[in-house]
Amino acid sequence: MSYFSPSIEKLIESFESLPSIGNKTAIRLAFHILNSSEEETNNFIKSIQDAKKNLKFCSKCYNISDTDPCEICANSSRDQTKICVVEDVKDVVAIEKIHEYKGLYHVLHGSISPMDGIGPDDIKIKELLARLMEREIKEVILATNPKVEGEATAMYISKLIKPMGIKTTRLAHGIPVGGDLEYTDEFTLGKAFEGRTEL
């Protein structure tokens, strides 16, 4: 039995359908919207509508952008000889925040996962290979997630790129700074050994 009116219940359910939003948070968000002024509510609705209407996929890297090509692809000062391959648009944001990488990106929009029925043709691998054939790329950095699916995707892509003679690298994965070995899982510890560097 619901304690809320049907309209409030529908609003709560809408918030609950968002990732990582539980019932308590959904109720809090619903009442925040209900207690907001009409102008604030209209601005919130408009921002969602504008994002849905204006955002598009970059035809080069498949990042989400207001423009095509996106700002990164259109920036001639970036290193045009490097492409960093990521699974998701949020990964581009994470890498950009560290201000270390100055090359281009390619967003796969997923990873190979036979258990979920996702094969190589379901993500943007063909588009990546087409980019590599049409321009002078010296390095492809595989920055897929350090999970089974991400590792499988990186291995699959590296095998396709190898005959092209393009240098292929993988982001090092290992123990976080400040982490204790005894609390580190086997997969992370194994990757730390694989990614060790000479001092």
N, C-alpha and C. Protein backbone atom coordinates (compact mmCIF):
# COMPACT_ATOMS: atom_id res chain seq x y z
N MET A 1 0.84 -1.19 0.00
CA MET A 1 0.00 0.00 0.00
C MET A 1 0.88 1.25 0.00
N SER A 2 0.52 2.20 -0.89
CA SER A 2 1.30 3.43 -0.99
C SER A 2 0.74 4.49 -0.05
N TYR A 3 1.64 5.26 0.56
CA TYR A 3 1.23 6.34 1.45
C TYR A 3 1.15 7.66 0.69
N PHE A 4 1.54 7.66 -0.59
CA PHE A 4 1.57 8.88 -1.38
C PHE A 4 0.46 8.87 -2.43
N SER A 5 0.12 10.06 -2.90
CA SER A 5 -0.87 10.16 -3.97
C SER A 5 -0.27 9.57 -5.25
N PRO A 6 -1.11 9.17 -6.21
CA PRO A 6 -0.59 8.56 -7.45
C PRO A 6 0.43 9.42 -8.17
N SER A 7 0.23 10.75 -8.19
CA SER A 7 1.17 11.64 -8.89
C SER A 7 2.54 11.63 -8.23
N ILE A 8 2.56 11.69 -6.89
CA ILE A 8 3.84 11.65 -6.16
C ILE A 8 4.49 10.28 -6.33
N GLU A 9 3.69 9.23 -6.26
CA GLU A 9 4.21 7.87 -6.41
C GLU A 9 4.88 7.70 -7.77
N LYS A 10 4.27 8.25 -8.82
CA LYS A 10 4.84 8.16 -10.17
C LYS A 10 6.17 8.91 -10.26
N LEU A 11 6.22 10.08 -9.60
CA LEU A 11 7.46 10.87 -9.58
C LEU A 11 8.56 10.10 -8.85
N ILE A 12 8.22 9.49 -7.72
CA ILE A 12 9.19 8.70 -6.95
C ILE A 12 9.69 7.52 -7.79
N GLU A 13 8.77 6.84 -8.48
CA GLU A 13 9.15 5.70 -9.33
C GLU A 13 10.08 6.14 -10.45
N SER A 14 9.85 7.35 -10.99
CA SER A 14 10.71 7.87 -12.06
C SER A 14 12.14 8.07 -11.56
N PHE A 15 12.28 8.61 -10.35
CA PHE A 15 13.61 8.79 -9.78
C PHE A 15 14.24 7.44 -9.45
N GLU A 16 13.43 6.50 -8.96
CA GLU A 16 13.94 5.16 -8.61
C GLU A 16 14.46 4.41 -9.83
N SER A 17 13.97 4.76 -11.01
CA SER A 17 14.42 4.08 -12.23
C SER A 17 15.82 4.50 -12.64
N LEU A 18 16.34 5.58 -12.02
CA LEU A 18 17.70 6.03 -12.32
C LEU A 18 18.72 5.13 -11.63
N PRO A 19 19.92 4.98 -12.21
CA PRO A 19 20.94 4.12 -11.60
C PRO A 19 21.33 4.60 -10.20
N SER A 20 21.50 3.66 -9.29
CA SER A 20 21.98 3.91 -7.93
C SER A 20 21.04 4.76 -7.07
N ILE A 21 19.80 4.92 -7.48
CA ILE A 21 18.83 5.68 -6.68
C ILE A 21 17.88 4.71 -6.00
N GLY A 22 17.96 4.65 -4.66
CA GLY A 22 17.06 3.80 -3.89
C GLY A 22 15.79 4.54 -3.53
N ASN A 23 14.90 3.88 -2.81
CA ASN A 23 13.59 4.44 -2.47
C ASN A 23 13.70 5.71 -1.64
N LYS A 24 14.56 5.71 -0.62
CA LYS A 24 14.67 6.89 0.26
C LYS A 24 15.18 8.11 -0.50
N THR A 25 16.20 7.89 -1.33
CA THR A 25 16.74 8.99 -2.13
C THR A 25 15.71 9.48 -3.13
N ALA A 26 14.97 8.56 -3.74
CA ALA A 26 13.93 8.92 -4.71
C ALA A 26 12.85 9.78 -4.05
N ILE A 27 12.45 9.42 -2.84
CA ILE A 27 11.45 10.21 -2.10
C ILE A 27 11.99 11.61 -1.82
N ARG A 28 13.27 11.67 -1.38
CA ARG A 28 13.89 12.96 -1.07
C ARG A 28 13.95 13.85 -2.32
N LEU A 29 14.34 13.27 -3.46
CA LEU A 29 14.42 14.03 -4.71
C LEU A 29 13.04 14.48 -5.18
N ALA A 30 12.05 13.59 -5.05
CA ALA A 30 10.69 13.92 -5.47
C ALA A 30 10.17 15.12 -4.68
N PHE A 31 10.37 15.11 -3.36
CA PHE A 31 9.88 16.21 -2.54
C PHE A 31 10.69 17.48 -2.72
N HIS A 32 11.97 17.34 -3.11
CA HIS A 32 12.78 18.51 -3.43
C HIS A 32 12.19 19.21 -4.65
N ILE A 33 11.84 18.43 -5.67
CA ILE A 33 11.23 18.99 -6.88
C ILE A 33 9.87 19.63 -6.53
N LEU A 34 9.07 18.94 -5.73
CA LEU A 34 7.75 19.46 -5.37
C LEU A 34 7.83 20.75 -4.57
N ASN A 35 8.89 20.90 -3.77
CA ASN A 35 9.06 22.10 -2.95
C ASN A 35 9.79 23.23 -3.67
N SER A 36 10.28 22.95 -4.87
CA SER A 36 10.98 23.98 -5.66
C SER A 36 9.96 24.93 -6.29
N SER A 37 10.44 26.11 -6.63
CA SER A 37 9.56 27.07 -7.31
C SER A 37 9.26 26.56 -8.72
N GLU A 38 8.23 27.11 -9.32
CA GLU A 38 7.86 26.69 -10.68
C GLU A 38 9.00 26.99 -11.65
N GLU A 39 9.69 28.14 -11.44
CA GLU A 39 10.80 28.52 -12.32
C GLU A 39 11.95 27.51 -12.21
N GLU A 40 12.28 27.12 -10.98
CA GLU A 40 13.36 26.13 -10.77
C GLU A 40 12.99 24.79 -11.42
N THR A 41 11.74 24.39 -11.26
CA THR A 41 11.28 23.13 -11.84
C THR A 41 11.33 23.19 -13.36
N ASN A 42 10.87 24.31 -13.93
CA ASN A 42 10.88 24.46 -15.39
C ASN A 42 12.31 24.48 -15.94
N ASN A 43 13.24 25.12 -15.21
CA ASN A 43 14.65 25.15 -15.63
C ASN A 43 15.24 23.74 -15.61
N PHE A 44 14.86 22.97 -14.59
CA PHE A 44 15.34 21.58 -14.48
C PHE A 44 14.83 20.74 -15.65
N ILE A 45 13.54 20.86 -15.94
CA ILE A 45 12.94 20.12 -17.06
C ILE A 45 13.58 20.54 -18.37
N LYS A 46 13.79 21.86 -18.55
CA LYS A 46 14.38 22.38 -19.80
C LYS A 46 15.81 21.87 -19.99
N SER A 47 16.58 21.80 -18.89
CA SER A 47 17.97 21.34 -19.02
C SER A 47 18.01 19.88 -19.50
N ILE A 48 17.07 19.07 -19.04
CA ILE A 48 16.99 17.67 -19.50
C ILE A 48 16.59 17.63 -20.97
N GLN A 49 15.57 18.41 -21.33
CA GLN A 49 15.10 18.44 -22.72
C GLN A 49 16.18 18.94 -23.66
N ASP A 50 16.91 20.01 -23.25
CA ASP A 50 17.98 20.57 -24.09
C ASP A 50 19.10 19.56 -24.30
N ALA A 51 19.46 18.85 -23.22
CA ALA A 51 20.52 17.85 -23.33
C ALA A 51 20.11 16.74 -24.30
N LYS A 52 18.86 16.27 -24.18
CA LYS A 52 18.37 15.21 -25.07
C LYS A 52 18.32 15.69 -26.52
N LYS A 53 17.97 16.97 -26.72
CA LYS A 53 17.81 17.50 -28.07
C LYS A 53 19.14 17.87 -28.72
N ASN A 54 20.06 18.47 -27.94
CA ASN A 54 21.28 19.04 -28.51
C ASN A 54 22.46 18.09 -28.56
N LEU A 55 22.51 17.13 -27.64
CA LEU A 55 23.68 16.25 -27.60
C LEU A 55 23.62 15.22 -28.72
N LYS A 56 24.79 14.93 -29.27
CA LYS A 56 24.89 13.96 -30.36
C LYS A 56 26.21 13.21 -30.22
N PHE A 57 26.35 12.12 -30.95
CA PHE A 57 27.62 11.41 -30.94
C PHE A 57 28.56 12.04 -31.95
N CYS A 58 29.80 12.25 -31.55
CA CYS A 58 30.83 12.73 -32.47
C CYS A 58 31.02 11.67 -33.54
N SER A 59 31.03 12.07 -34.79
CA SER A 59 31.14 11.10 -35.89
C SER A 59 32.55 10.53 -36.02
N LYS A 60 33.52 11.09 -35.29
CA LYS A 60 34.89 10.58 -35.33
C LYS A 60 35.18 9.64 -34.16
N CYS A 61 34.92 10.11 -32.92
CA CYS A 61 35.32 9.33 -31.75
C CYS A 61 34.15 8.71 -30.97
N TYR A 62 32.92 9.14 -31.29
CA TYR A 62 31.70 8.63 -30.63
C TYR A 62 31.54 9.09 -29.19
N ASN A 63 32.24 10.19 -28.84
CA ASN A 63 31.99 10.85 -27.57
C ASN A 63 30.67 11.61 -27.70
N ILE A 64 30.04 11.95 -26.58
CA ILE A 64 28.81 12.75 -26.63
C ILE A 64 29.20 14.22 -26.58
N SER A 65 28.59 15.01 -27.46
CA SER A 65 28.97 16.41 -27.57
C SER A 65 27.82 17.24 -28.12
N ASP A 66 27.91 18.56 -27.93
CA ASP A 66 26.95 19.49 -28.55
C ASP A 66 27.33 19.73 -30.00
N THR A 67 28.58 19.43 -30.35
CA THR A 67 29.06 19.70 -31.71
C THR A 67 29.58 18.42 -32.36
N ASP A 68 29.64 18.42 -33.68
CA ASP A 68 30.22 17.30 -34.42
C ASP A 68 31.15 17.87 -35.48
N PRO A 69 32.47 17.64 -35.39
CA PRO A 69 33.14 16.82 -34.40
C PRO A 69 33.13 17.47 -33.01
N CYS A 70 33.42 16.64 -32.00
CA CYS A 70 33.45 17.15 -30.62
C CYS A 70 34.64 18.08 -30.44
N GLU A 71 34.68 18.78 -29.30
CA GLU A 71 35.75 19.75 -29.03
C GLU A 71 37.12 19.11 -29.04
N ILE A 72 37.22 17.87 -28.55
CA ILE A 72 38.53 17.20 -28.49
C ILE A 72 39.02 16.88 -29.91
N CYS A 73 38.15 16.30 -30.72
CA CYS A 73 38.54 15.95 -32.10
C CYS A 73 38.84 17.20 -32.93
N ALA A 74 38.15 18.30 -32.65
CA ALA A 74 38.32 19.53 -33.41
C ALA A 74 39.53 20.34 -32.97
N ASN A 75 40.15 19.94 -31.85
CA ASN A 75 41.28 20.69 -31.29
C ASN A 75 42.58 20.24 -31.96
N SER A 76 43.09 21.06 -32.88
CA SER A 76 44.28 20.70 -33.66
C SER A 76 45.55 20.67 -32.82
N SER A 77 45.52 21.24 -31.60
CA SER A 77 46.71 21.24 -30.76
C SER A 77 46.90 19.90 -30.03
N ARG A 78 45.89 19.02 -30.08
CA ARG A 78 46.03 17.71 -29.44
C ARG A 78 46.86 16.80 -30.34
N ASP A 79 47.51 15.82 -29.71
CA ASP A 79 48.36 14.87 -30.44
C ASP A 79 47.49 13.98 -31.32
N GLN A 80 47.57 14.20 -32.62
CA GLN A 80 46.72 13.49 -33.58
C GLN A 80 47.23 12.08 -33.89
N THR A 81 48.37 11.71 -33.29
CA THR A 81 48.96 10.39 -33.58
C THR A 81 48.63 9.34 -32.51
N LYS A 82 47.89 9.76 -31.46
CA LYS A 82 47.54 8.83 -30.37
C LYS A 82 46.04 8.75 -30.21
N ILE A 83 45.54 7.54 -30.03
CA ILE A 83 44.11 7.34 -29.73
C ILE A 83 43.99 6.49 -28.47
N CYS A 84 43.26 7.02 -27.50
CA CYS A 84 42.99 6.30 -26.26
C CYS A 84 41.59 5.68 -26.38
N VAL A 85 41.52 4.36 -26.29
CA VAL A 85 40.26 3.63 -26.45
C VAL A 85 39.64 3.38 -25.08
N VAL A 86 38.41 3.87 -24.91
CA VAL A 86 37.69 3.71 -23.63
C VAL A 86 36.34 3.06 -23.88
N GLU A 87 35.74 2.54 -22.81
CA GLU A 87 34.45 1.87 -22.93
C GLU A 87 33.29 2.85 -22.94
N ASP A 88 33.41 3.94 -22.19
CA ASP A 88 32.26 4.79 -21.94
C ASP A 88 32.64 6.27 -21.97
N VAL A 89 31.67 7.12 -22.26
CA VAL A 89 31.88 8.57 -22.29
C VAL A 89 32.42 9.07 -20.95
N LYS A 90 31.96 8.48 -19.84
CA LYS A 90 32.42 8.91 -18.51
C LYS A 90 33.92 8.65 -18.34
N ASP A 91 34.46 7.67 -19.06
CA ASP A 91 35.90 7.38 -18.98
C ASP A 91 36.71 8.51 -19.59
N VAL A 92 36.19 9.14 -20.65
CA VAL A 92 36.87 10.30 -21.26
C VAL A 92 36.98 11.41 -20.22
N VAL A 93 35.89 11.68 -19.52
CA VAL A 93 35.87 12.73 -18.49
C VAL A 93 36.90 12.42 -17.40
N ALA A 94 36.95 11.15 -16.96
CA ALA A 94 37.89 10.76 -15.90
C ALA A 94 39.34 10.99 -16.33
N ILE A 95 39.66 10.64 -17.57
CA ILE A 95 41.04 10.81 -18.06
C ILE A 95 41.37 12.28 -18.27
N GLU A 96 40.40 13.05 -18.79
CA GLU A 96 40.63 14.47 -19.01
C GLU A 96 40.90 15.21 -17.70
N LYS A 97 40.31 14.75 -16.62
CA LYS A 97 40.46 15.42 -15.31
C LYS A 97 41.89 15.37 -14.79
N ILE A 98 42.67 14.36 -15.21
CA ILE A 98 44.04 14.26 -14.69
C ILE A 98 45.03 15.11 -15.49
N HIS A 99 44.60 15.66 -16.62
CA HIS A 99 45.42 16.57 -17.45
C HIS A 99 46.77 15.98 -17.87
N GLU A 100 46.83 14.66 -18.04
CA GLU A 100 48.08 14.01 -18.43
C GLU A 100 48.08 13.64 -19.91
N TYR A 101 46.91 13.32 -20.44
CA TYR A 101 46.81 12.81 -21.81
C TYR A 101 46.36 13.91 -22.76
N LYS A 102 47.08 14.06 -23.87
CA LYS A 102 46.79 15.15 -24.82
C LYS A 102 46.44 14.64 -26.22
N GLY A 103 46.13 13.35 -26.33
CA GLY A 103 45.80 12.80 -27.64
C GLY A 103 44.30 12.77 -27.90
N LEU A 104 43.88 11.88 -28.81
CA LEU A 104 42.48 11.72 -29.18
C LEU A 104 41.87 10.53 -28.44
N TYR A 105 40.58 10.34 -28.60
CA TYR A 105 39.86 9.24 -27.94
C TYR A 105 39.05 8.45 -28.96
N HIS A 106 38.66 7.25 -28.54
CA HIS A 106 37.65 6.48 -29.26
C HIS A 106 36.79 5.78 -28.22
N VAL A 107 35.48 6.07 -28.23
CA VAL A 107 34.56 5.51 -27.24
C VAL A 107 33.86 4.30 -27.84
N LEU A 108 34.05 3.15 -27.21
CA LEU A 108 33.49 1.89 -27.72
C LEU A 108 31.99 1.74 -27.44
N HIS A 109 31.52 2.39 -26.40
CA HIS A 109 30.13 2.24 -25.92
C HIS A 109 29.85 0.81 -25.50
N GLY A 110 30.73 0.29 -24.65
CA GLY A 110 30.55 -1.03 -24.09
C GLY A 110 31.81 -1.86 -24.18
N SER A 111 31.69 -3.12 -23.81
CA SER A 111 32.80 -4.07 -23.90
C SER A 111 32.24 -5.41 -24.34
N ILE A 112 33.11 -6.25 -24.86
CA ILE A 112 32.69 -7.58 -25.31
C ILE A 112 32.27 -8.40 -24.09
N SER A 113 31.06 -8.92 -24.13
CA SER A 113 30.54 -9.70 -23.00
C SER A 113 29.57 -10.76 -23.53
N PRO A 114 30.10 -11.94 -23.89
CA PRO A 114 29.24 -13.00 -24.43
C PRO A 114 28.10 -13.37 -23.50
N MET A 115 28.33 -13.28 -22.17
CA MET A 115 27.28 -13.61 -21.20
C MET A 115 26.07 -12.69 -21.35
N ASP A 116 26.34 -11.43 -21.77
CA ASP A 116 25.25 -10.46 -21.95
C ASP A 116 24.84 -10.34 -23.42
N GLY A 117 25.38 -11.22 -24.25
CA GLY A 117 25.04 -11.19 -25.67
C GLY A 117 25.66 -10.03 -26.42
N ILE A 118 26.77 -9.47 -25.90
CA ILE A 118 27.44 -8.35 -26.57
C ILE A 118 28.72 -8.86 -27.24
N GLY A 119 28.73 -8.81 -28.56
CA GLY A 119 29.89 -9.26 -29.33
C GLY A 119 30.64 -8.07 -29.91
N PRO A 120 31.72 -8.32 -30.64
CA PRO A 120 32.53 -7.25 -31.23
C PRO A 120 31.74 -6.32 -32.15
N ASP A 121 30.73 -6.87 -32.84
CA ASP A 121 29.94 -6.04 -33.76
C ASP A 121 28.95 -5.13 -33.05
N ASP A 122 28.77 -5.33 -31.75
CA ASP A 122 27.81 -4.53 -31.00
C ASP A 122 28.42 -3.27 -30.39
N ILE A 123 29.74 -3.15 -30.47
CA ILE A 123 30.41 -1.94 -29.97
C ILE A 123 31.23 -1.34 -31.13
N LYS A 124 31.84 -0.19 -30.91
CA LYS A 124 32.44 0.59 -32.00
C LYS A 124 33.87 0.16 -32.36
N ILE A 125 34.07 -1.15 -32.58
CA ILE A 125 35.40 -1.64 -32.95
C ILE A 125 35.67 -1.42 -34.43
N LYS A 126 34.68 -1.70 -35.29
CA LYS A 126 34.85 -1.50 -36.75
C LYS A 126 35.20 -0.04 -37.04
N GLU A 127 34.53 0.87 -36.31
CA GLU A 127 34.77 2.30 -36.50
C GLU A 127 36.19 2.69 -36.08
N LEU A 128 36.70 2.04 -35.03
CA LEU A 128 38.07 2.29 -34.59
C LEU A 128 39.06 1.85 -35.67
N LEU A 129 38.86 0.65 -36.21
CA LEU A 129 39.75 0.14 -37.25
C LEU A 129 39.74 1.03 -38.49
N ALA A 130 38.56 1.55 -38.83
CA ALA A 130 38.45 2.47 -39.98
C ALA A 130 39.27 3.73 -39.73
N ARG A 131 39.23 4.25 -38.50
CA ARG A 131 40.01 5.45 -38.16
C ARG A 131 41.50 5.17 -38.28
N LEU A 132 41.92 3.99 -37.84
CA LEU A 132 43.34 3.65 -37.87
C LEU A 132 43.85 3.52 -39.31
N MET A 133 42.97 3.14 -40.23
CA MET A 133 43.38 2.99 -41.63
C MET A 133 43.41 4.32 -42.37
N GLU A 134 42.63 5.29 -41.89
CA GLU A 134 42.53 6.55 -42.65
C GLU A 134 43.48 7.64 -42.17
N ARG A 135 44.16 7.43 -41.04
CA ARG A 135 45.09 8.47 -40.57
C ARG A 135 46.36 7.84 -39.98
N GLU A 136 47.38 8.67 -39.82
CA GLU A 136 48.68 8.22 -39.31
C GLU A 136 48.63 8.15 -37.78
N ILE A 137 48.36 6.97 -37.26
CA ILE A 137 48.31 6.77 -35.81
C ILE A 137 49.55 5.98 -35.38
N LYS A 138 50.27 6.50 -34.36
CA LYS A 138 51.48 5.84 -33.90
C LYS A 138 51.25 4.97 -32.66
N GLU A 139 50.21 5.32 -31.87
CA GLU A 139 49.95 4.54 -30.66
C GLU A 139 48.46 4.47 -30.35
N VAL A 140 48.01 3.27 -30.00
CA VAL A 140 46.65 3.08 -29.50
C VAL A 140 46.78 2.65 -28.04
N ILE A 141 46.18 3.44 -27.15
CA ILE A 141 46.21 3.15 -25.71
C ILE A 141 44.89 2.50 -25.33
N LEU A 142 44.93 1.26 -24.90
CA LEU A 142 43.71 0.54 -24.53
C LEU A 142 43.42 0.81 -23.06
N ALA A 143 42.38 1.61 -22.82
CA ALA A 143 42.04 2.02 -21.45
C ALA A 143 40.67 1.46 -21.06
N THR A 144 40.43 0.20 -21.45
CA THR A 144 39.19 -0.44 -21.03
C THR A 144 39.30 -0.81 -19.56
N ASN A 145 38.15 -1.05 -18.92
CA ASN A 145 38.14 -1.31 -17.48
C ASN A 145 38.86 -2.62 -17.12
N PRO A 146 39.51 -2.66 -15.95
CA PRO A 146 40.25 -3.86 -15.55
C PRO A 146 39.34 -4.95 -15.00
N LYS A 147 38.32 -5.29 -15.76
CA LYS A 147 37.42 -6.39 -15.42
C LYS A 147 37.57 -7.43 -16.52
N VAL A 148 36.95 -8.58 -16.35
CA VAL A 148 37.07 -9.66 -17.33
C VAL A 148 36.67 -9.17 -18.73
N GLU A 149 35.52 -8.45 -18.81
CA GLU A 149 35.03 -7.97 -20.11
C GLU A 149 35.99 -6.95 -20.73
N GLY A 150 36.49 -6.04 -19.90
CA GLY A 150 37.42 -5.03 -20.39
C GLY A 150 38.72 -5.64 -20.87
N GLU A 151 39.21 -6.63 -20.13
CA GLU A 151 40.45 -7.32 -20.52
C GLU A 151 40.25 -8.07 -21.85
N ALA A 152 39.11 -8.75 -21.97
CA ALA A 152 38.81 -9.50 -23.21
C ALA A 152 38.72 -8.55 -24.39
N THR A 153 38.10 -7.40 -24.18
CA THR A 153 37.96 -6.40 -25.24
C THR A 153 39.32 -5.87 -25.67
N ALA A 154 40.17 -5.57 -24.69
CA ALA A 154 41.52 -5.06 -24.98
C ALA A 154 42.33 -6.09 -25.76
N MET A 155 42.25 -7.35 -25.35
CA MET A 155 42.99 -8.42 -26.05
C MET A 155 42.50 -8.57 -27.48
N TYR A 156 41.18 -8.54 -27.67
CA TYR A 156 40.58 -8.68 -29.00
C TYR A 156 41.05 -7.55 -29.92
N ILE A 157 40.98 -6.31 -29.42
CA ILE A 157 41.38 -5.16 -30.22
C ILE A 157 42.88 -5.20 -30.54
N SER A 158 43.69 -5.58 -29.55
CA SER A 158 45.15 -5.61 -29.77
C SER A 158 45.53 -6.62 -30.86
N LYS A 159 44.80 -7.74 -30.91
CA LYS A 159 45.07 -8.74 -31.96
C LYS A 159 44.71 -8.21 -33.34
N LEU A 160 43.67 -7.39 -33.42
CA LEU A 160 43.26 -6.80 -34.71
C LEU A 160 44.24 -5.71 -35.16
N ILE A 161 44.82 -4.99 -34.20
CA ILE A 161 45.71 -3.87 -34.52
C ILE A 161 47.12 -4.34 -34.85
N LYS A 162 47.55 -5.45 -34.25
CA LYS A 162 48.94 -5.92 -34.39
C LYS A 162 49.42 -5.98 -35.85
N PRO A 163 48.63 -6.55 -36.78
CA PRO A 163 49.11 -6.60 -38.17
C PRO A 163 49.30 -5.22 -38.81
N MET A 164 48.72 -4.18 -38.23
CA MET A 164 48.86 -2.83 -38.79
C MET A 164 50.19 -2.19 -38.41
N GLY A 165 50.90 -2.80 -37.47
CA GLY A 165 52.20 -2.26 -37.06
C GLY A 165 52.10 -1.02 -36.18
N ILE A 166 50.94 -0.81 -35.56
CA ILE A 166 50.75 0.35 -34.67
C ILE A 166 51.06 -0.09 -33.24
N LYS A 167 51.84 0.72 -32.55
CA LYS A 167 52.17 0.43 -31.14
C LYS A 167 50.87 0.40 -30.33
N THR A 168 50.69 -0.67 -29.56
CA THR A 168 49.49 -0.81 -28.74
C THR A 168 49.91 -0.95 -27.28
N THR A 169 49.37 -0.09 -26.43
CA THR A 169 49.70 -0.14 -25.00
C THR A 169 48.42 -0.31 -24.19
N ARG A 170 48.62 -0.75 -22.95
CA ARG A 170 47.49 -0.96 -22.03
C ARG A 170 47.78 -0.17 -20.77
N LEU A 171 46.79 0.51 -20.24
CA LEU A 171 46.99 1.22 -18.98
C LEU A 171 47.43 0.23 -17.91
N ALA A 172 48.40 0.63 -17.09
CA ALA A 172 48.83 -0.22 -15.99
C ALA A 172 47.75 -0.26 -14.93
N HIS A 173 47.54 -1.42 -14.34
CA HIS A 173 46.57 -1.57 -13.26
C HIS A 173 47.31 -2.15 -12.07
N GLY A 174 46.99 -1.67 -10.91
CA GLY A 174 47.69 -2.23 -9.75
C GLY A 174 47.18 -1.70 -8.44
N ILE A 175 48.06 -1.68 -7.46
CA ILE A 175 47.69 -1.32 -6.09
C ILE A 175 47.55 0.19 -5.98
N PRO A 176 46.43 0.68 -5.45
CA PRO A 176 46.28 2.13 -5.31
C PRO A 176 47.27 2.68 -4.29
N VAL A 177 47.65 3.95 -4.49
CA VAL A 177 48.56 4.61 -3.55
C VAL A 177 47.92 4.60 -2.17
N GLY A 178 48.68 4.18 -1.17
CA GLY A 178 48.17 4.11 0.20
C GLY A 178 47.49 2.79 0.52
N GLY A 179 47.45 1.87 -0.48
CA GLY A 179 46.79 0.58 -0.26
C GLY A 179 47.71 -0.41 0.44
N ASP A 180 47.15 -1.35 1.16
CA ASP A 180 47.91 -2.39 1.83
C ASP A 180 47.84 -3.68 1.02
N LEU A 181 48.99 -4.36 0.88
CA LEU A 181 49.04 -5.60 0.10
C LEU A 181 48.06 -6.65 0.64
N GLU A 182 47.95 -6.73 1.97
CA GLU A 182 47.11 -7.78 2.56
C GLU A 182 45.64 -7.62 2.22
N TYR A 183 45.22 -6.39 1.89
CA TYR A 183 43.82 -6.15 1.56
C TYR A 183 43.57 -6.09 0.06
N THR A 184 44.63 -6.28 -0.74
CA THR A 184 44.50 -6.19 -2.19
C THR A 184 44.07 -7.53 -2.76
N ASP A 185 43.06 -7.50 -3.64
CA ASP A 185 42.58 -8.76 -4.22
C ASP A 185 43.62 -9.34 -5.18
N GLU A 186 43.49 -10.63 -5.49
CA GLU A 186 44.48 -11.35 -6.30
C GLU A 186 44.62 -10.76 -7.71
N PHE A 187 43.48 -10.37 -8.29
CA PHE A 187 43.49 -9.85 -9.66
C PHE A 187 44.31 -8.55 -9.73
N THR A 188 44.04 -7.64 -8.78
CA THR A 188 44.76 -6.37 -8.74
C THR A 188 46.24 -6.59 -8.46
N LEU A 189 46.55 -7.49 -7.53
CA LEU A 189 47.95 -7.79 -7.20
C LEU A 189 48.68 -8.39 -8.39
N GLY A 190 47.99 -9.27 -9.11
CA GLY A 190 48.57 -9.87 -10.31
C GLY A 190 48.87 -8.82 -11.36
N LYS A 191 47.94 -7.88 -11.52
CA LYS A 191 48.14 -6.81 -12.50
C LYS A 191 49.27 -5.89 -12.07
N ALA A 192 49.43 -5.69 -10.77
CA ALA A 192 50.52 -4.86 -10.26
C ALA A 192 51.88 -5.47 -10.62
N PHE A 193 51.97 -6.82 -10.53
CA PHE A 193 53.21 -7.50 -10.90
C PHE A 193 53.46 -7.39 -12.40
N GLU A 194 52.40 -7.55 -13.18
CA GLU A 194 52.54 -7.47 -14.65
C GLU A 194 52.96 -6.09 -15.08
N GLY A 195 52.44 -5.06 -14.40
CA GLY A 195 52.70 -3.69 -14.79
C GLY A 195 53.90 -3.06 -14.12
N ARG A 196 54.72 -3.89 -13.44
CA ARG A 196 55.87 -3.34 -12.73
C ARG A 196 56.88 -2.72 -13.70
N THR A 197 57.56 -1.68 -13.26
CA THR A 197 58.52 -0.98 -14.09
C THR A 197 59.90 -0.99 -13.45
N GLU A 198 60.91 -0.83 -14.26
CA GLU A 198 62.29 -0.86 -13.76
C GLU A 198 62.60 0.45 -13.04
N LEU A 199 63.30 0.38 -11.91
CA LEU A 199 63.69 1.57 -11.15
C LEU A 199 65.14 1.94 -11.43
